[in-house]
Structures are given as C-alpha cells and as structure tokens.
PDB file of N, CA and C in Angstrom:
ATOM      1  N   MET A   1     292.497  35.386  43.045  1.00  0.00           N
ATOM      2  CA  MET A   1     291.944  36.713  43.138  1.00  0.00           C
ATOM      3  C   MET A   1     290.965  36.741  44.303  1.00  0.00           C
ATOM      4  N   SER A   2     290.980  37.804  45.063  1.00  0.00           N
ATOM      5  CA  SER A   2     290.135  37.932  46.250  1.00  0.00           C
ATOM      6  C   SER A   2     288.777  38.515  45.898  1.00  0.00           C
ATOM      7  N   ASP A   3     287.748  38.132  46.676  1.00  0.00           N
ATOM      8  CA  ASP A   3     286.414  38.691  46.499  1.00  0.00           C
ATOM      9  C   ASP A   3     286.247  40.003  47.274  1.00  0.00           C
ATOM     10  N   PHE A   4     287.295  40.465  47.954  1.00  0.00           N
ATOM     11  CA  PHE A   4     287.208  41.674  48.766  1.00  0.00           C
ATOM     12  C   PHE A   4     287.040  42.898  47.882  1.00  0.00           C
ATOM     13  N   THR A   5     286.043  43.714  48.218  1.00  0.00           N
ATOM     14  CA  THR A   5     285.830  44.976  47.514  1.00  0.00           C
ATOM     15  C   THR A   5     286.170  46.102  48.491  1.00  0.00           C
ATOM     16  N   PRO A   6     287.173  46.931  48.157  1.00  0.00           N
ATOM     17  CA  PRO A   6     287.559  47.995  49.079  1.00  0.00           C
ATOM     18  C   PRO A   6     286.442  49.031  49.209  1.00  0.00           C
ATOM     19  N   PRO A   7     286.347  49.675  50.370  1.00  0.00           N
ATOM     20  CA  PRO A   7     285.354  50.732  50.536  1.00  0.00           C
ATOM     21  C   PRO A   7     285.555  51.831  49.501  1.00  0.00           C
ATOM     22  N   VAL A   8     284.488  52.538  49.213  1.00  0.00           N
ATOM     23  CA  VAL A   8     284.557  53.623  48.233  1.00  0.00           C
ATOM     24  C   VAL A   8     285.625  54.619  48.674  1.00  0.00           C
ATOM     25  N   GLY A   9     286.480  55.024  47.759  1.00  0.00           N
ATOM     26  CA  GLY A   9     287.522  55.986  48.055  1.00  0.00           C
ATOM     27  C   GLY A   9     288.818  55.361  48.532  1.00  0.00           C
ATOM     28  N   GLN A  10     288.855  54.048  48.750  1.00  0.00           N
ATOM     29  CA  GLN A  10     290.083  53.393  49.180  1.00  0.00           C
ATOM     30  C   GLN A  10     290.512  52.412  48.100  1.00  0.00           C
ATOM     31  N   SER A  11     291.807  52.455  47.790  1.00  0.00           N
ATOM     32  CA  SER A  11     292.299  51.605  46.715  1.00  0.00           C
ATOM     33  C   SER A  11     292.552  50.172  47.168  1.00  0.00           C
ATOM     34  N   ASN A  12     292.866  49.964  48.431  1.00  0.00           N
ATOM     35  CA  ASN A  12     293.036  48.604  48.927  1.00  0.00           C
ATOM     36  C   ASN A  12     292.775  48.563  50.424  1.00  0.00           C
ATOM     37  N   TYR A  13     292.734  47.375  50.960  1.00  0.00           N
ATOM     38  CA  TYR A  13     292.355  47.224  52.361  1.00  0.00           C
ATOM     39  C   TYR A  13     293.382  47.782  53.336  1.00  0.00           C
ATOM     40  N   MET A  14     294.604  48.017  52.950  1.00  0.00           N
ATOM     41  CA  MET A  14     295.632  48.535  53.844  1.00  0.00           C
ATOM     42  C   MET A  14     295.582  50.057  53.972  1.00  0.00           C
ATOM     43  N   SER A  15     294.946  50.758  53.070  1.00  0.00           N
ATOM     44  CA  SER A  15     295.066  52.212  53.028  1.00  0.00           C
ATOM     45  C   SER A  15     294.505  52.907  54.255  1.00  0.00           C
ATOM     46  N   GLY A  16     293.483  52.404  54.891  1.00  0.00           N
ATOM     47  CA  GLY A  16     292.911  53.079  56.043  1.00  0.00           C
ATOM     48  C   GLY A  16     293.281  52.456  57.363  1.00  0.00           C
ATOM     49  N   TRP A  17     294.101  51.429  57.326  1.00  0.00           N
ATOM     50  CA  TRP A  17     294.385  50.640  58.518  1.00  0.00           C
ATOM     51  C   TRP A  17     295.007  51.475  59.636  1.00  0.00           C
ATOM     52  N   GLY A  18     296.088  52.193  59.375  1.00  0.00           N
ATOM     53  CA  GLY A  18     296.772  52.971  60.399  1.00  0.00           C
ATOM     54  C   GLY A  18     296.077  54.283  60.710  1.00  0.00           C
ATOM     55  N   ASN A  19     295.274  54.807  59.824  1.00  0.00           N
ATOM     56  CA  ASN A  19     294.678  56.123  60.009  1.00  0.00           C
ATOM     57  C   ASN A  19     293.523  56.122  61.003  1.00  0.00           C
ATOM     58  N   ASN A  20     292.747  55.054  61.067  1.00  0.00           N
ATOM     59  CA  ASN A  20     291.570  55.028  61.928  1.00  0.00           C
ATOM     60  C   ASN A  20     291.952  55.211  63.392  1.00  0.00           C
ATOM     61  N   GLY A  21     292.955  54.514  63.866  1.00  0.00           N
ATOM     62  CA  GLY A  21     293.398  54.651  65.247  1.00  0.00           C
ATOM     63  C   GLY A  21     293.966  56.024  65.531  1.00  0.00           C
ATOM     64  N   LYS A  22     294.731  56.545  64.585  1.00  0.00           N
ATOM     65  CA  LYS A  22     295.319  57.875  64.759  1.00  0.00           C
ATOM     66  C   LYS A  22     294.218  58.932  64.764  1.00  0.00           C
ATOM     67  N   THR A  23     293.216  58.777  63.937  1.00  0.00           N
ATOM     68  CA  THR A  23     292.110  59.727  63.890  1.00  0.00           C
ATOM     69  C   THR A  23     291.359  59.747  65.209  1.00  0.00           C
ATOM     70  N   LYS A  24     291.092  58.571  65.750  1.00  0.00           N
ATOM     71  CA  LYS A  24     290.393  58.490  67.037  1.00  0.00           C
ATOM     72  C   LYS A  24     291.232  59.098  68.151  1.00  0.00           C
ATOM     73  N   GLU A  25     292.525  58.821  68.141  1.00  0.00           N
ATOM     74  CA  GLU A  25     293.424  59.368  69.154  1.00  0.00           C
ATOM     75  C   GLU A  25     293.474  60.896  69.059  1.00  0.00           C
ATOM     76  N   THR A  26     293.581  61.408  67.858  1.00  0.00           N
ATOM     77  CA  THR A  26     293.612  62.857  67.653  1.00  0.00           C
ATOM     78  C   THR A  26     292.302  63.485  68.098  1.00  0.00           C
ATOM     79  N   ALA A  27     291.184  62.885  67.744  1.00  0.00           N
ATOM     80  CA  ALA A  27     289.877  63.403  68.160  1.00  0.00           C
ATOM     81  C   ALA A  27     289.749  63.393  69.674  1.00  0.00           C
ATOM     82  N   SER A  28     290.264  62.361  70.314  1.00  0.00           N
ATOM     83  CA  SER A  28     290.217  62.276  71.771  1.00  0.00           C
ATOM     84  C   SER A  28     291.053  63.374  72.402  1.00  0.00           C
ATOM     85  N   ARG A  29     292.223  63.615  71.869  1.00  0.00           N
ATOM     86  CA  ARG A  29     293.089  64.683  72.386  1.00  0.00           C
ATOM     87  C   ARG A  29     292.433  66.048  72.213  1.00  0.00           C
ATOM     88  N   ILE A  30     291.857  66.284  71.052  1.00  0.00           N
ATOM     89  CA  ILE A  30     291.190  67.567  70.794  1.00  0.00           C
ATOM     90  C   ILE A  30     290.012  67.741  71.741  1.00  0.00           C
ATOM     91  N   ASP A  31     289.253  66.689  71.983  1.00  0.00           N
ATOM     92  CA  ASP A  31     288.127  66.749  72.914  1.00  0.00           C
ATOM     93  C   ASP A  31     288.618  67.086  74.316  1.00  0.00           C
ATOM     94  N   HIS A  32     289.703  66.476  74.725  1.00  0.00           N
ATOM     95  CA  HIS A  32     290.276  66.748  76.052  1.00  0.00           C
ATOM     96  C   HIS A  32     290.713  68.212  76.161  1.00  0.00           C
ATOM     97  N   ILE A  33     291.344  68.730  75.118  1.00  0.00           N
ATOM     98  CA  ILE A  33     291.782  70.119  75.084  1.00  0.00           C
ATOM     99  C   ILE A  33     290.576  71.060  75.163  1.00  0.00           C
ATOM    100  N   ALA A  34     289.525  70.756  74.434  1.00  0.00           N
ATOM    101  CA  ALA A  34     288.319  71.575  74.458  1.00  0.00           C
ATOM    102  C   ALA A  34     287.683  71.581  75.845  1.00  0.00           C
ATOM    103  N   ASP A  35     287.685  70.444  76.518  1.00  0.00           N
ATOM    104  CA  ASP A  35     287.153  70.376  77.883  1.00  0.00           C
ATOM    105  C   ASP A  35     287.958  71.264  78.827  1.00  0.00           C
ATOM    106  N   LYS A  36     289.278  71.269  78.681  1.00  0.00           N
ATOM    107  CA  LYS A  36     290.123  72.122  79.513  1.00  0.00           C
ATOM    108  C   LYS A  36     289.807  73.600  79.270  1.00  0.00           C
ATOM    109  N   ALA A  37     289.677  73.974  78.010  1.00  0.00           N
ATOM    110  CA  ALA A  37     289.391  75.368  77.681  1.00  0.00           C
ATOM    111  C   ALA A  37     288.031  75.790  78.226  1.00  0.00           C
ATOM    112  N   LYS A  38     287.048  74.934  78.095  1.00  0.00           N
ATOM    113  CA  LYS A  38     285.708  75.238  78.602  1.00  0.00           C
ATOM    114  C   LYS A  38     285.740  75.444  80.112  1.00  0.00           C
ATOM    115  N   PHE A  39     286.464  74.598  80.829  1.00  0.00           N
ATOM    116  CA  PHE A  39     286.576  74.722  82.277  1.00  0.00           C
ATOM    117  C   PHE A  39     287.203  76.061  82.660  1.00  0.00           C
ATOM    118  N   GLY A  40     288.256  76.455  81.979  1.00  0.00           N
ATOM    119  CA  GLY A  40     288.911  77.732  82.260  1.00  0.00           C
ATOM    120  C   GLY A  40     287.990  78.909  82.019  1.00  0.00           C
ATOM    121  N   ILE A  41     287.226  78.849  80.963  1.00  0.00           N
ATOM    122  CA  ILE A  41     286.285  79.920  80.654  1.00  0.00           C
ATOM    123  C   ILE A  41     285.185  79.986  81.707  1.00  0.00           C
ATOM    124  N   GLU A  42     284.730  78.830  82.173  1.00  0.00           N
ATOM    125  CA  GLU A  42     283.713  78.808  83.232  1.00  0.00           C
ATOM    126  C   GLU A  42     284.253  79.415  84.525  1.00  0.00           C
ATOM    127  N   MET A  43     285.523  79.163  84.847  1.00  0.00           N
ATOM    128  CA  MET A  43     286.139  79.759  86.030  1.00  0.00           C
ATOM    129  C   MET A  43     286.109  81.283  85.936  1.00  0.00           C
ATOM    130  N   LEU A  44     286.466  81.803  84.780  1.00  0.00           N
ATOM    131  CA  LEU A  44     286.475  83.252  84.592  1.00  0.00           C
ATOM    132  C   LEU A  44     285.064  83.819  84.638  1.00  0.00           C
ATOM    133  N   GLY A  45     284.111  83.107  84.074  1.00  0.00           N
ATOM    134  CA  GLY A  45     282.719  83.546  84.088  1.00  0.00           C
ATOM    135  C   GLY A  45     282.178  83.680  85.497  1.00  0.00           C
ATOM    136  N   THR A  46     282.564  82.779  86.369  1.00  0.00           N
ATOM    137  CA  THR A  46     282.122  82.840  87.765  1.00  0.00           C
ATOM    138  C   THR A  46     282.648  84.107  88.437  1.00  0.00           C
ATOM    139  N   GLY A  47     283.891  84.445  88.176  1.00  0.00           N
ATOM    140  CA  GLY A  47     284.469  85.665  88.735  1.00  0.00           C
ATOM    141  C   GLY A  47     283.762  86.911  88.239  1.00  0.00           C
ATOM    142  N   VAL A  48     283.422  86.933  86.964  1.00  0.00           N
ATOM    143  CA  VAL A  48     282.709  88.074  86.393  1.00  0.00           C
ATOM    144  C   VAL A  48     281.320  88.207  87.011  1.00  0.00           C
ATOM    145  N   GLN A  49     280.645  87.105  87.250  1.00  0.00           N
ATOM    146  CA  GLN A  49     279.325  87.156  87.886  1.00  0.00           C
ATOM    147  C   GLN A  49     279.408  87.742  89.290  1.00  0.00           C
ATOM    148  N   GLY A  50     280.462  87.409  90.009  1.00  0.00           N
ATOM    149  CA  GLY A  50     280.648  87.964  91.348  1.00  0.00           C
ATOM    150  C   GLY A  50     280.839  89.471  91.309  1.00  0.00           C
ATOM    151  N   ILE A  51     281.601  89.945  90.355  1.00  0.00           N
ATOM    152  CA  ILE A  51     281.807  91.387  90.216  1.00  0.00           C
ATOM    153  C   ILE A  51     280.504  92.067  89.807  1.00  0.00           C
ATOM    154  N   ASP A  52     279.719  91.414  88.974  1.00  0.00           N
ATOM    155  CA  ASP A  52     278.424  91.962  88.570  1.00  0.00           C
ATOM    156  C   ASP A  52     277.514  92.153  89.787  1.00  0.00           C
ATOM    157  N   ALA A  53     277.540  91.207  90.702  1.00  0.00           N
ATOM    158  CA  ALA A  53     276.723  91.320  91.921  1.00  0.00           C
ATOM    159  C   ALA A  53     277.174  92.509  92.764  1.00  0.00           C
ATOM    160  N   ILE A  54     278.482  92.727  92.859  1.00  0.00           N
ATOM    161  CA  ILE A  54     279.002  93.862  93.620  1.00  0.00           C
ATOM    162  C   ILE A  54     278.614  95.173  92.934  1.00  0.00           C
ATOM    163  N   GLU A  55     278.648  95.180  91.616  1.00  0.00           N
ATOM    164  CA  GLU A  55     278.225  96.371  90.865  1.00  0.00           C
ATOM    165  C   GLU A  55     276.783  96.739  91.203  1.00  0.00           C
ATOM    166  N   LYS A  56     275.903  95.760  91.225  1.00  0.00           N
ATOM    167  CA  LYS A  56     274.500  96.010  91.563  1.00  0.00           C
ATOM    168  C   LYS A  56     274.355  96.536  92.990  1.00  0.00           C
ATOM    169  N   GLU A  57     275.162  95.985  93.885  1.00  0.00           N
ATOM    170  CA  GLU A  57     275.132  96.446  95.272  1.00  0.00           C
ATOM    171  C   GLU A  57     275.609  97.897  95.371  1.00  0.00           C
ATOM    172  N   LEU A  58     276.632  98.241  94.614  1.00  0.00           N
ATOM    173  CA  LEU A  58     277.109  99.631  94.604  1.00  0.00           C
ATOM    174  C   LEU A  58     276.040 100.588  94.080  1.00  0.00           C
ATOM    175  N   ILE A  59     275.320 100.173  93.066  1.00  0.00           N
ATOM    176  CA  ILE A  59     274.234 101.004  92.527  1.00  0.00           C
ATOM    177  C   ILE A  59     273.165 101.229  93.583  1.00  0.00           C
ATOM    178  N   GLU A  60     272.832 100.163  94.300  1.00  0.00           N
ATOM    179  CA  GLU A  60     271.837 100.295  95.379  1.00  0.00           C
ATOM    180  C   GLU A  60     272.330 101.239  96.471  1.00  0.00           C
ATOM    181  N   LEU A  61     273.605 101.125  96.840  1.00  0.00           N
ATOM    182  CA  LEU A  61     274.162 102.017  97.859  1.00  0.00           C
ATOM    183  C   LEU A  61     274.158 103.470  97.379  1.00  0.00           C
ATOM    184  N   ALA A  62     274.446 103.683  96.095  1.00  0.00           N
ATOM    185  CA  ALA A  62     274.462 105.041  95.546  1.00  0.00           C
ATOM    186  C   ALA A  62     273.064 105.665  95.550  1.00  0.00           C
ATOM    187  N   ASN A  63     272.032 104.835  95.424  1.00  0.00           N
ATOM    188  CA  ASN A  63     270.654 105.333  95.413  1.00  0.00           C
ATOM    189  C   ASN A  63     270.029 105.361  96.807  1.00  0.00           C
ATOM    190  N   ALA A  64     270.764 104.923  97.823  1.00  0.00           N
ATOM    191  CA  ALA A  64     270.231 104.891  99.183  1.00  0.00           C
ATOM    192  C   ALA A  64     270.138 106.321  99.739  1.00  0.00           C
ATOM    193  N   PRO A  65     269.200 106.553 100.656  1.00  0.00           N
ATOM    194  CA  PRO A  65     269.042 107.896 101.218  1.00  0.00           C
ATOM    195  C   PRO A  65     270.229 108.313 102.103  1.00  0.00           C
ATOM    196  N   GLU A  66     270.996 107.344 102.617  1.00  0.00           N
ATOM    197  CA  GLU A  66     272.150 107.648 103.457  1.00  0.00           C
ATOM    198  C   GLU A  66     273.409 107.123 102.784  1.00  0.00           C
ATOM    199  N   PRO A  67     274.529 107.785 102.993  1.00  0.00           N
ATOM    200  CA  PRO A  67     275.778 107.298 102.395  1.00  0.00           C
ATOM    201  C   PRO A  67     276.188 105.958 103.025  1.00  0.00           C
ATOM    202  N   PRO A  68     276.970 105.166 102.294  1.00  0.00           N
ATOM    203  CA  PRO A  68     277.420 103.881 102.848  1.00  0.00           C
ATOM    204  C   PRO A  68     278.364 104.111 104.023  1.00  0.00           C
ATOM    205  N   THR A  69     278.369 103.155 104.906  1.00  0.00           N
ATOM    206  CA  THR A  69     279.268 103.230 106.060  1.00  0.00           C
ATOM    207  C   THR A  69     280.661 102.769 105.651  1.00  0.00           C
ATOM    208  N   GLN A  70     281.636 103.068 106.497  1.00  0.00           N
ATOM    209  CA  GLN A  70     282.995 102.597 106.237  1.00  0.00           C
ATOM    210  C   GLN A  70     283.034 101.073 106.199  1.00  0.00           C
ATOM    211  N   THR A  71     282.255 100.456 107.045  1.00  0.00           N
ATOM    212  CA  THR A  71     282.205  98.990 107.096  1.00  0.00           C
ATOM    213  C   THR A  71     281.675  98.426 105.780  1.00  0.00           C
ATOM    214  N   GLN A  72     280.636  99.040 105.226  1.00  0.00           N
ATOM    215  CA  GLN A  72     280.089  98.582 103.949  1.00  0.00           C
ATOM    216  C   GLN A  72     281.125  98.737 102.835  1.00  0.00           C
ATOM    217  N   ILE A  73     281.804  99.873 102.827  1.00  0.00           N
ATOM    218  CA  ILE A  73     282.807 100.119 101.779  1.00  0.00           C
ATOM    219  C   ILE A  73     283.968  99.131 101.915  1.00  0.00           C
ATOM    220  N   ARG A  74     284.422  98.879 103.142  1.00  0.00           N
ATOM    221  CA  ARG A  74     285.496  97.898 103.358  1.00  0.00           C
ATOM    222  C   ARG A  74     285.063  96.502 102.920  1.00  0.00           C
ATOM    223  N   SER A  75     283.829  96.149 103.239  1.00  0.00           N
ATOM    224  CA  SER A  75     283.309  94.835 102.855  1.00  0.00           C
ATOM    225  C   SER A  75     283.292  94.683 101.334  1.00  0.00           C
ATOM    226  N   LEU A  76     282.837  95.726 100.643  1.00  0.00           N
ATOM    227  CA  LEU A  76     282.830  95.687  99.173  1.00  0.00           C
ATOM    228  C   LEU A  76     284.259  95.594  98.631  1.00  0.00           C
ATOM    229  N   ALA A  77     285.174  96.325  99.226  1.00  0.00           N
ATOM    230  CA  ALA A  77     286.571  96.283  98.775  1.00  0.00           C
ATOM    231  C   ALA A  77     287.162  94.893  98.946  1.00  0.00           C
ATOM    232  N   HIS A  78     286.872  94.251 100.085  1.00  0.00           N
ATOM    233  CA  HIS A  78     287.387  92.893 100.312  1.00  0.00           C
ATOM    234  C   HIS A  78     286.785  91.904  99.316  1.00  0.00           C
ATOM    235  N   ARG A  79     285.512  92.055  99.034  1.00  0.00           N
ATOM    236  CA  ARG A  79     284.865  91.158  98.058  1.00  0.00           C
ATOM    237  C   ARG A  79     285.422  91.382  96.661  1.00  0.00           C
ATOM    238  N   LEU A  80     285.643  92.660  96.297  1.00  0.00           N
ATOM    239  CA  LEU A  80     286.253  92.943  94.989  1.00  0.00           C
ATOM    240  C   LEU A  80     287.651  92.329  94.907  1.00  0.00           C
ATOM    241  N   ASP A  81     288.415  92.455  95.988  1.00  0.00           N
ATOM    242  CA  ASP A  81     289.752  91.873  96.020  1.00  0.00           C
ATOM    243  C   ASP A  81     289.691  90.365  95.847  1.00  0.00           C
ATOM    244  N   SER A  82     288.733  89.750  96.512  1.00  0.00           N
ATOM    245  CA  SER A  82     288.568  88.299  96.403  1.00  0.00           C
ATOM    246  C   SER A  82     288.249  87.888  94.964  1.00  0.00           C
ATOM    247  N   HIS A  83     287.360  88.620  94.324  1.00  0.00           N
ATOM    248  CA  HIS A  83     287.012  88.299  92.932  1.00  0.00           C
ATOM    249  C   HIS A  83     288.181  88.588  91.987  1.00  0.00           C
ATOM    250  N   GLN A  84     288.937  89.648  92.299  1.00  0.00           N
ATOM    251  CA  GLN A  84     290.119  89.941  91.488  1.00  0.00           C
ATOM    252  C   GLN A  84     291.097  88.779  91.557  1.00  0.00           C
ATOM    253  N   LYS A  85     291.321  88.255  92.760  1.00  0.00           N
ATOM    254  CA  LYS A  85     292.227  87.113  92.920  1.00  0.00           C
ATOM    255  C   LYS A  85     291.687  85.882  92.189  1.00  0.00           C
ATOM    256  N   GLN A  86     290.364  85.681  92.268  1.00  0.00           N
ATOM    257  CA  GLN A  86     289.752  84.545  91.574  1.00  0.00           C
ATOM    258  C   GLN A  86     289.948  84.665  90.069  1.00  0.00           C
ATOM    259  N   LEU A  87     289.738  85.881  89.539  1.00  0.00           N
ATOM    260  CA  LEU A  87     289.940  86.081  88.102  1.00  0.00           C
ATOM    261  C   LEU A  87     291.397  85.878  87.723  1.00  0.00           C
ATOM    262  N   GLN A  88     292.326  86.360  88.552  1.00  0.00           N
ATOM    263  CA  GLN A  88     293.741  86.178  88.249  1.00  0.00           C
ATOM    264  C   GLN A  88     294.106  84.696  88.259  1.00  0.00           C
ATOM    265  N   GLN A  89     293.582  83.955  89.242  1.00  0.00           N
ATOM    266  CA  GLN A  89     293.833  82.511  89.279  1.00  0.00           C
ATOM    267  C   GLN A  89     293.252  81.833  88.048  1.00  0.00           C
ATOM    268  N   GLY A  90     292.059  82.280  87.628  1.00  0.00           N
ATOM    269  CA  GLY A  90     291.451  81.721  86.419  1.00  0.00           C
ATOM    270  C   GLY A  90     292.291  82.005  85.196  1.00  0.00           C
ATOM    271  N   LEU A  91     292.778  83.250  85.084  1.00  0.00           N
ATOM    272  CA  LEU A  91     293.636  83.601  83.944  1.00  0.00           C
ATOM    273  C   LEU A  91     294.928  82.789  83.961  1.00  0.00           C
ATOM    274  N   ASP A  92     295.510  82.627  85.154  1.00  0.00           N
ATOM    275  CA  ASP A  92     296.730  81.810  85.267  1.00  0.00           C
ATOM    276  C   ASP A  92     296.445  80.370  84.854  1.00  0.00           C
ATOM    277  N   ARG A  93     295.279  79.862  85.269  1.00  0.00           N
ATOM    278  CA  ARG A  93     294.900  78.481  84.927  1.00  0.00           C
ATOM    279  C   ARG A  93     294.688  78.339  83.415  1.00  0.00           C
ATOM    280  N   VAL A  94     294.027  79.332  82.812  1.00  0.00           N
ATOM    281  CA  VAL A  94     293.820  79.289  81.357  1.00  0.00           C
ATOM    282  C   VAL A  94     295.166  79.345  80.642  1.00  0.00           C
ATOM    283  N   LYS A  95     296.086  80.173  81.141  1.00  0.00           N
ATOM    284  CA  LYS A  95     297.423  80.230  80.544  1.00  0.00           C
ATOM    285  C   LYS A  95     298.102  78.863  80.620  1.00  0.00           C
ATOM    286  N   ASP A  96     298.009  78.222  81.790  1.00  0.00           N
ATOM    287  CA  ASP A  96     298.578  76.873  81.928  1.00  0.00           C
ATOM    288  C   ASP A  96     297.936  75.908  80.937  1.00  0.00           C
ATOM    289  N   MET A  97     296.607  76.010  80.793  1.00  0.00           N
ATOM    290  CA  MET A  97     295.908  75.121  79.859  1.00  0.00           C
ATOM    291  C   MET A  97     296.338  75.395  78.428  1.00  0.00           C
ATOM    292  N   LEU A  98     296.522  76.670  78.083  1.00  0.00           N
ATOM    293  CA  LEU A  98     296.967  76.991  76.727  1.00  0.00           C
ATOM    294  C   LEU A  98     298.369  76.441  76.480  1.00  0.00           C
ATOM    295  N   ASP A  99     299.219  76.481  77.503  1.00  0.00           N
ATOM    296  CA  ASP A  99     300.542  75.854  77.362  1.00  0.00           C
ATOM    297  C   ASP A  99     300.397  74.350  77.142  1.00  0.00           C
ATOM    298  N   ASP A 100     299.484  73.713  77.897  1.00  0.00           N
ATOM    299  CA  ASP A 100     299.218  72.279  77.704  1.00  0.00           C
ATOM    300  C   ASP A 100     298.696  72.008  76.298  1.00  0.00           C
ATOM    301  N   ILE A 101     297.795  72.864  75.841  1.00  0.00           N
ATOM    302  CA  ILE A 101     297.235  72.719  74.495  1.00  0.00           C
ATOM    303  C   ILE A 101     298.342  72.831  73.460  1.00  0.00           C
ATOM    304  N   ASP A 102     299.230  73.817  73.640  1.00  0.00           N
ATOM    305  CA  ASP A 102     300.332  74.000  72.695  1.00  0.00           C
ATOM    306  C   ASP A 102     301.216  72.760  72.646  1.00  0.00           C
ATOM    307  N   LYS A 103     301.540  72.212  73.817  1.00  0.00           N
ATOM    308  CA  LYS A 103     302.374  71.001  73.860  1.00  0.00           C
ATOM    309  C   LYS A 103     301.649  69.814  73.202  1.00  0.00           C
ATOM    310  N   GLU A 104     300.353  69.702  73.494  1.00  0.00           N
ATOM    311  CA  GLU A 104     299.591  68.567  72.956  1.00  0.00           C
ATOM    312  C   GLU A 104     299.454  68.667  71.440  1.00  0.00           C
ATOM    313  N   THR A 105     299.182  69.882  70.937  1.00  0.00           N
ATOM    314  CA  THR A 105     299.053  70.023  69.479  1.00  0.00           C
ATOM    315  C   THR A 105     300.404  69.819  68.806  1.00  0.00           C
ATOM    316  N   ASP A 106     301.491  70.203  69.480  1.00  0.00           N
ATOM    317  CA  ASP A 106     302.819  69.907  68.920  1.00  0.00           C
ATOM    318  C   ASP A 106     302.996  68.397  68.789  1.00  0.00           C
ATOM    319  N   ASN A 107     302.543  67.632  69.813  1.00  0.00           N
ATOM    320  CA  ASN A 107     302.634  66.172  69.752  1.00  0.00           C
ATOM    321  C   ASN A 107     301.761  65.612  68.640  1.00  0.00           C
ATOM    322  N   ILE A 108     300.568  66.172  68.475  1.00  0.00           N
ATOM    323  CA  ILE A 108     299.656  65.700  67.426  1.00  0.00           C
ATOM    324  C   ILE A 108     300.257  65.956  66.049  1.00  0.00           C
ATOM    325  N   GLN A 109     300.924  67.097  65.898  1.00  0.00           N
ATOM    326  CA  GLN A 109     301.440  67.496  64.594  1.00  0.00           C
ATOM    327  C   GLN A 109     302.737  66.801  64.222  1.00  0.00           C
ATOM    328  N   LYS A 110     303.412  66.186  65.194  1.00  0.00           N
ATOM    329  CA  LYS A 110     304.671  65.491  64.899  1.00  0.00           C
ATOM    330  C   LYS A 110     304.378  64.318  63.978  1.00  0.00           C
ATOM    331  N   PRO A 111     305.204  64.159  62.950  1.00  0.00           N
ATOM    332  CA  PRO A 111     305.031  62.981  62.101  1.00  0.00           C
ATOM    333  C   PRO A 111     305.382  61.712  62.878  1.00  0.00           C
ATOM    334  N   ARG A 112     304.608  60.697  62.637  1.00  0.00           N
ATOM    335  CA  ARG A 112     304.835  59.405  63.307  1.00  0.00           C
ATOM    336  C   ARG A 112     305.913  58.636  62.542  1.00  0.00           C
ATOM    337  N   SER A 113     306.838  58.043  63.300  1.00  0.00           N
ATOM    338  CA  SER A 113     307.899  57.270  62.648  1.00  0.00           C
ATOM    339  C   SER A 113     307.513  55.817  62.461  1.00  0.00           C
ATOM    340  N   SER A 114     306.475  55.373  63.210  1.00  0.00           N
ATOM    341  CA  SER A 114     306.069  53.973  63.083  1.00  0.00           C
ATOM    342  C   SER A 114     304.674  53.906  62.473  1.00  0.00           C
ATOM    343  N   TRP A 115     304.314  52.780  61.966  1.00  0.00           N
ATOM    344  CA  TRP A 115     302.997  52.608  61.356  1.00  0.00           C
ATOM    345  C   TRP A 115     302.147  51.824  62.277  1.00  0.00           C
TER     346      TRP A 115
END
C-alpha cells in the first residue's frame, strides 16, 4: 500500500495528470486571443481620436469671424479620408482577428484523441 495521499478532490494521482498541461495551453491560447482583440480595439480607438480632433477643428472654424478657405476645407477632407481609411483597415484587421479567434477556439473545443 502506498503512503501517497491524493490532493483534495482527486481520487488518484492520475486524474489530473493530462489536464494540467491542457489547461495551461488553453489559458495561453485565450490570452493570445485577448491580446489580439485588445490590439484591434486600440487601432480603432486611435482612428476615433483623430476624427475627434478634426471635429474640434471644425467647431473652431465655425466660430471663426471669417469663413474657412477652400484650402482649409480640402485639408480637413483629406484628413477625414485618411482617418476613414485607418478605421476601415482597423475594422478589417479586427475581422481577421475574429476569424483567427474562431479558428483557434474551434481547435480548443476539439476533443483530443490522445492523452
């Protein structure tokens, strides 16, 4: 008879053997997925901040004693276009990340055939 006492909640020493590695691997994958999502959200946030700055500039131009020049309006339009493209790229990147997340979670959810 062995002097080994299994940890509380485990019936024998083999019960947690395969799960610990799988748990760590799953946690690592989830952490990686969360990092990707956070990065995508930060990309979009940067684009929104740029548009916010243009909004403030438009308010200042509207309150100015003279109307904006064509050059000022063109400059604002080009900057808005640039931020629009940045936001679209961010959305495309987030979509790609969500596809990666979907594939990764499908892999995590697949039953393992080996122990």
